[in-house]
Amino acid sequence: MSRAQAAEAIRAGRVSLHGRRVTEPLTWVEAREPNLRLDGRRLKNAPRQYWAMHKPKGVLTAHGDSRGRATVYDLIARKLNLGQEGKWLFPVGRLDLDSSGLLLLTNDSIFAERITQPATKVPKTYLVKVNAIVDEAGLARLRQGVDLGRGERSGPAQIQYLGDNGRFCRLEITITEGKNRQVRRMLDALGHTVLKLVRTRIGKLELADLPPGEFRRIRPDQI
């Protein structure tokens, strides 16, 4: 259930604790309490799921869209066929509409929080195509951190120059933060525009050869 549905079920008297009906949703219980029941059935934690997805460009990291654009949930429903279990998967962080690459999906909120919290400093790596040649001074600024506007500043980043064709250049950028559209705003701060952005790695987990729009289950040893 959603939290709102669960609260409604509690108020309706469908939940019991140690054989006594509980009607107050704010009642504190341990998550592994063996005597917590819904409609007489003992409650237990749902099996934890961890998936890697290659989010395609043009797909929203959102549950729905008023303009009818495709979302990651459309792909989950079409590709994974998990039924009710798939309903409660959610993205770990975001990738904007024009970006693609590695996106994690789970029903484990504690895992998701540890990945996204700035304090844990989980590195995220991106391949970036820029509309100009970023010079050494610009690379040094990106490595040190730049003013992103709106009172925000990027922290130190790892930058690898991958080459250019005389007009555009390609960079590999690794950051340990997750500010909104951060990589694009970092290049904006230099007066440049990101033409293409692909997230290739989160921590040690790599996108590798996973095709756009496809999923693979994350192994226990990788979690």
Foldseek 3Di string as FASTA:
>chain_A
DPLVVVLVQLLVQQKDAPRHTGNHSPDDDDQQRQRIDGNNHTDHDDDKFKKKAWADAQEFLDPDDPVGTHHLLVLLVVAVVPPPVSVQKHWLATDHNGATAIIMIINDVVVSCCLAPLVNLWKWKKKWKKQADQDPVLVVDQQCWADLPPPDIFHGWDKDWPADDHGMTIIMIMGSHRPDVVVQSSVVRVVIGTPYMYTADTRNDGRPPRDHSDMDTDDPVRD
